[in-house]
C-alpha atoms as a PDB file:
ATOM      1  CA  MET A   1     136.906 -32.894  29.022  1.00  0.00           C
ATOM      2  CA  SER A   2     139.436 -30.097  28.552  1.00  0.00           C
ATOM      3  CA  LYS A   3     139.090 -26.677  30.168  1.00  0.00           C
ATOM      4  CA  ASN A   4     138.438 -25.155  26.750  1.00  0.00           C
ATOM      5  CA  ASN A   5     135.673 -27.680  25.956  1.00  0.00           C
ATOM      6  CA  ILE A   6     134.001 -27.080  29.305  1.00  0.00           C
ATOM      7  CA  SER A   7     134.051 -23.337  28.728  1.00  0.00           C
ATOM      8  CA  ILE A   8     132.617 -23.721  25.237  1.00  0.00           C
ATOM      9  CA  GLU A   9     129.688 -25.828  26.554  1.00  0.00           C
ATOM     10  CA  LEU A  10     129.012 -23.341  29.351  1.00  0.00           C
ATOM     11  CA  LEU A  11     129.107 -20.430  26.895  1.00  0.00           C
ATOM     12  CA  LYS A  12     126.622 -22.212  24.658  1.00  0.00           C
ATOM     13  CA  ASN A  13     124.380 -22.812  27.661  1.00  0.00           C
ATOM     14  CA  ILE A  14     124.447 -19.128  28.433  1.00  0.00           C
ATOM     15  CA  LEU A  15     123.335 -18.280  24.892  1.00  0.00           C
ATOM     16  CA  VAL A  16     120.390 -20.681  25.237  1.00  0.00           C
ATOM     17  CA  PHE A  17     119.318 -19.089  28.511  1.00  0.00           C
ATOM     18  CA  ILE A  18     119.717 -15.605  27.042  1.00  0.00           C
ATOM     19  CA  GLN A  19     117.445 -16.483  24.159  1.00  0.00           C
ATOM     20  CA  GLU A  20     114.877 -18.065  26.462  1.00  0.00           C
ATOM     21  CA  ALA A  21     114.911 -14.987  28.752  1.00  0.00           C
ATOM     22  CA  LYS A  22     114.392 -12.651  25.786  1.00  0.00           C
ATOM     23  CA  ASP A  23     111.553 -14.799  24.446  1.00  0.00           C
ATOM     24  CA  GLU A  24     109.816 -15.111  27.811  1.00  0.00           C
ATOM     25  CA  TYR A  25     110.282 -11.458  28.748  1.00  0.00           C
ATOM     26  CA  GLY A  26     107.668 -10.408  26.226  1.00  0.00           C
ATOM     27  CA  LEU A  27     105.038 -12.323  28.152  1.00  0.00           C
ATOM     28  CA  THR A  28     105.723 -10.431  31.413  1.00  0.00           C
ATOM     29  CA  ASN A  29     103.508  -7.634  30.140  1.00  0.00           C
ATOM     30  CA  SER A  30     100.571  -9.934  29.429  1.00  0.00           C
ATOM     31  CA  SER A  31      97.191  -8.674  30.600  1.00  0.00           C
ATOM     32  CA  ASP A  32      96.654 -12.134  32.077  1.00  0.00           C
ATOM     33  CA  MET A  33      98.232 -11.908  35.554  1.00  0.00           C
ATOM     34  CA  PHE A  34      98.950 -15.653  35.691  1.00  0.00           C
ATOM     35  CA  THR A  35     100.818 -15.551  32.382  1.00  0.00           C
ATOM     36  CA  ALA A  36     102.708 -12.402  33.376  1.00  0.00           C
ATOM     37  CA  ASN A  37     103.777 -13.890  36.728  1.00  0.00           C
ATOM     38  CA  MET A  38     104.816 -17.197  35.211  1.00  0.00           C
ATOM     39  CA  ALA A  39     106.855 -15.394  32.567  1.00  0.00           C
ATOM     40  CA  PHE A  40     108.517 -13.224  35.210  1.00  0.00           C
ATOM     41  CA  LYS A  41     109.491 -16.324  37.171  1.00  0.00           C
ATOM     42  CA  ALA A  42     110.750 -18.053  34.000  1.00  0.00           C
ATOM     43  CA  VAL A  43     112.974 -15.058  33.175  1.00  0.00           C
ATOM     44  CA  ALA A  44     114.297 -15.024  36.714  1.00  0.00           C
ATOM     45  CA  ILE A  45     115.206 -18.733  36.434  1.00  0.00           C
ATOM     46  CA  ASP A  46     116.976 -18.016  33.147  1.00  0.00           C
ATOM     47  CA  LEU A  47     118.988 -15.259  34.795  1.00  0.00           C
ATOM     48  CA  ILE A  48     119.852 -17.629  37.628  1.00  0.00           C
ATOM     49  CA  GLN A  49     121.074 -20.190  35.091  1.00  0.00           C
ATOM     50  CA  ILE A  50     123.136 -17.567  33.268  1.00  0.00           C
ATOM     51  CA  GLY A  51     124.759 -16.620  36.577  1.00  0.00           C
ATOM     52  CA  GLU A  52     125.374 -20.281  37.440  1.00  0.00           C
ATOM     53  CA  ASN A  53     127.115 -20.926  34.135  1.00  0.00           C
ATOM     54  CA  VAL A  54     129.162 -17.731  34.427  1.00  0.00           C
ATOM     55  CA  ASN A  55     130.215 -18.863  37.913  1.00  0.00           C
ATOM     56  CA  LYS A  56     131.322 -22.215  36.554  1.00  0.00           C
ATOM     57  CA  ILE A  57     133.408 -20.531  33.837  1.00  0.00           C
ATOM     58  CA  PHE A  58     134.790 -18.132  36.436  1.00  0.00           C
ATOM     59  CA  LYS A  59     135.986 -21.105  38.505  1.00  0.00           C
ATOM     60  CA  ASN A  60     137.230 -23.069  35.513  1.00  0.00           C
ATOM     61  CA  ASP A  61     138.656 -20.430  33.134  1.00  0.00           C
ATOM     62  CA  GLN A  62     138.830 -17.001  34.699  1.00  0.00           C
ATOM     63  CA  GLU A  63     141.433 -16.010  32.113  1.00  0.00           C
ATOM     64  CA  LEU A  64     138.864 -16.406  29.335  1.00  0.00           C
ATOM     65  CA  LEU A  65     136.398 -14.068  31.085  1.00  0.00           C
ATOM     66  CA  SER A  66     139.152 -11.511  31.639  1.00  0.00           C
ATOM     67  CA  THR A  67     139.338 -11.004  27.879  1.00  0.00           C
ATOM     68  CA  GLU A  68     135.944  -9.258  28.161  1.00  0.00           C
ATOM     69  CA  PRO A  69     136.614  -6.779  30.974  1.00  0.00           C
ATOM     70  CA  ASP A  70     133.609  -4.570  30.219  1.00  0.00           C
ATOM     71  CA  ILE A  71     131.196  -7.317  31.339  1.00  0.00           C
ATOM     72  CA  PRO A  72     130.554  -7.292  35.070  1.00  0.00           C
ATOM     73  CA  TRP A  73     131.076 -11.020  35.573  1.00  0.00           C
ATOM     74  CA  ARG A  74     131.025 -10.856  39.371  1.00  0.00           C
ATOM     75  CA  ASP A  75     127.789  -8.827  39.296  1.00  0.00           C
ATOM     76  CA  ILE A  76     126.185 -11.512  37.129  1.00  0.00           C
ATOM     77  CA  VAL A  77     127.128 -14.156  39.692  1.00  0.00           C
ATOM     78  CA  GLY A  78     125.969 -11.799  42.441  1.00  0.00           C
ATOM     79  CA  MET A  79     122.547 -11.405  40.837  1.00  0.00           C
ATOM     80  CA  ARG A  80     122.303 -15.182  40.613  1.00  0.00           C
ATOM     81  CA  ASN A  81     123.166 -15.472  44.307  1.00  0.00           C
ATOM     82  CA  MET A  82     120.587 -12.814  45.240  1.00  0.00           C
ATOM     83  CA  ALA A  83     117.927 -14.454  43.128  1.00  0.00           C
ATOM     84  CA  VAL A  84     118.572 -17.893  44.623  1.00  0.00           C
ATOM     85  CA  HIS A  85     118.949 -16.824  48.233  1.00  0.00           C
ATOM     86  CA  ASP A  86     116.577 -13.865  48.343  1.00  0.00           C
ATOM     87  CA  TYR A  87     114.049 -14.564  45.594  1.00  0.00           C
ATOM     88  CA  ASP A  88     111.639 -12.022  47.034  1.00  0.00           C
ATOM     89  CA  GLY A  89     114.327  -9.402  46.530  1.00  0.00           C
ATOM     90  CA  LEU A  90     113.921  -9.608  42.744  1.00  0.00           C
ATOM     91  CA  ASN A  91     111.654  -7.023  41.214  1.00  0.00           C
ATOM     92  CA  LYS A  92     110.307  -6.430  37.761  1.00  0.00           C
ATOM     93  CA  GLU A  93     112.329  -3.231  37.251  1.00  0.00           C
ATOM     94  CA  GLU A  94     115.574  -5.088  37.934  1.00  0.00           C
ATOM     95  CA  ILE A  95     114.636  -7.939  35.608  1.00  0.00           C
ATOM     96  CA  SER A  96     113.514  -5.479  32.964  1.00  0.00           C
ATOM     97  CA  SER A  97     116.770  -3.551  33.193  1.00  0.00           C
ATOM     98  CA  SER A  98     118.791  -6.752  32.915  1.00  0.00           C
ATOM     99  CA  ILE A  99     116.908  -7.907  29.846  1.00  0.00           C
ATOM    100  CA  LYS A 100     116.902  -4.559  28.053  1.00  0.00           C
ATOM    101  CA  ILE A 101     120.322  -3.183  28.996  1.00  0.00           C
ATOM    102  CA  ASP A 102     122.619  -5.974  30.221  1.00  0.00           C
ATOM    103  CA  ILE A 103     121.615  -8.998  28.217  1.00  0.00           C
ATOM    104  CA  PRO A 104     122.336  -7.562  24.750  1.00  0.00           C
ATOM    105  CA  ASP A 105     125.921  -6.657  25.757  1.00  0.00           C
ATOM    106  CA  LEU A 106     126.363 -10.042  27.480  1.00  0.00           C
ATOM    107  CA  GLU A 107     125.071 -11.874  24.399  1.00  0.00           C
ATOM    108  CA  LYS A 108     127.621 -10.103  22.176  1.00  0.00           C
ATOM    109  CA  ALA A 109     130.434 -10.811  24.638  1.00  0.00           C
ATOM    110  CA  ILE A 110     129.509 -14.515  24.857  1.00  0.00           C
ATOM    111  CA  LYS A 111     129.551 -14.819  21.072  1.00  0.00           C
ATOM    112  CA  ARG A 112     132.982 -13.147  20.955  1.00  0.00           C
ATOM    113  CA  LEU A 113     134.230 -15.547  23.664  1.00  0.00           C
ATOM    114  CA  LEU A 114     132.948 -18.487  21.663  1.00  0.00           C
ATOM    115  CA  ASN A 115     134.804 -17.221  18.605  1.00  0.00           C
ATOM    116  CA  LYS A 116     138.014 -16.861  20.683  1.00  0.00           C
ATOM    117  CA  THR A 117     137.715 -20.430  21.967  1.00  0.00           C
ATOM    118  CA  LYS A 118     137.305 -21.833  18.473  1.00  0.00           C
ATOM    119  CA  ASN A 119     140.539 -20.330  17.301  1.00  0.00           C
END
């Protein structure tokens, strides 16, 4: 598989995990503690997967990511690393901030990158 095709698949994966995170985030405010905790963990896993896919693109096609310099690619991978290696370090405020502030910009950038790779 070519470098371009690998990047396209990884970008598509990121969009799937972004949508899942946005969908699950709404359940984190459930009055049922079990549901809220499960949703929080599901969103955290989605953020881990986003970071993992960004890391793979970073290793495979750093030039592509450099076309979107306003996205903190290394921070995304860093959050993934923190979530994987220090899961207790995640908190709801950090997750909430990521979903509300960072994810919309990331989603737009991923869509732009997909458009660039198709041309």
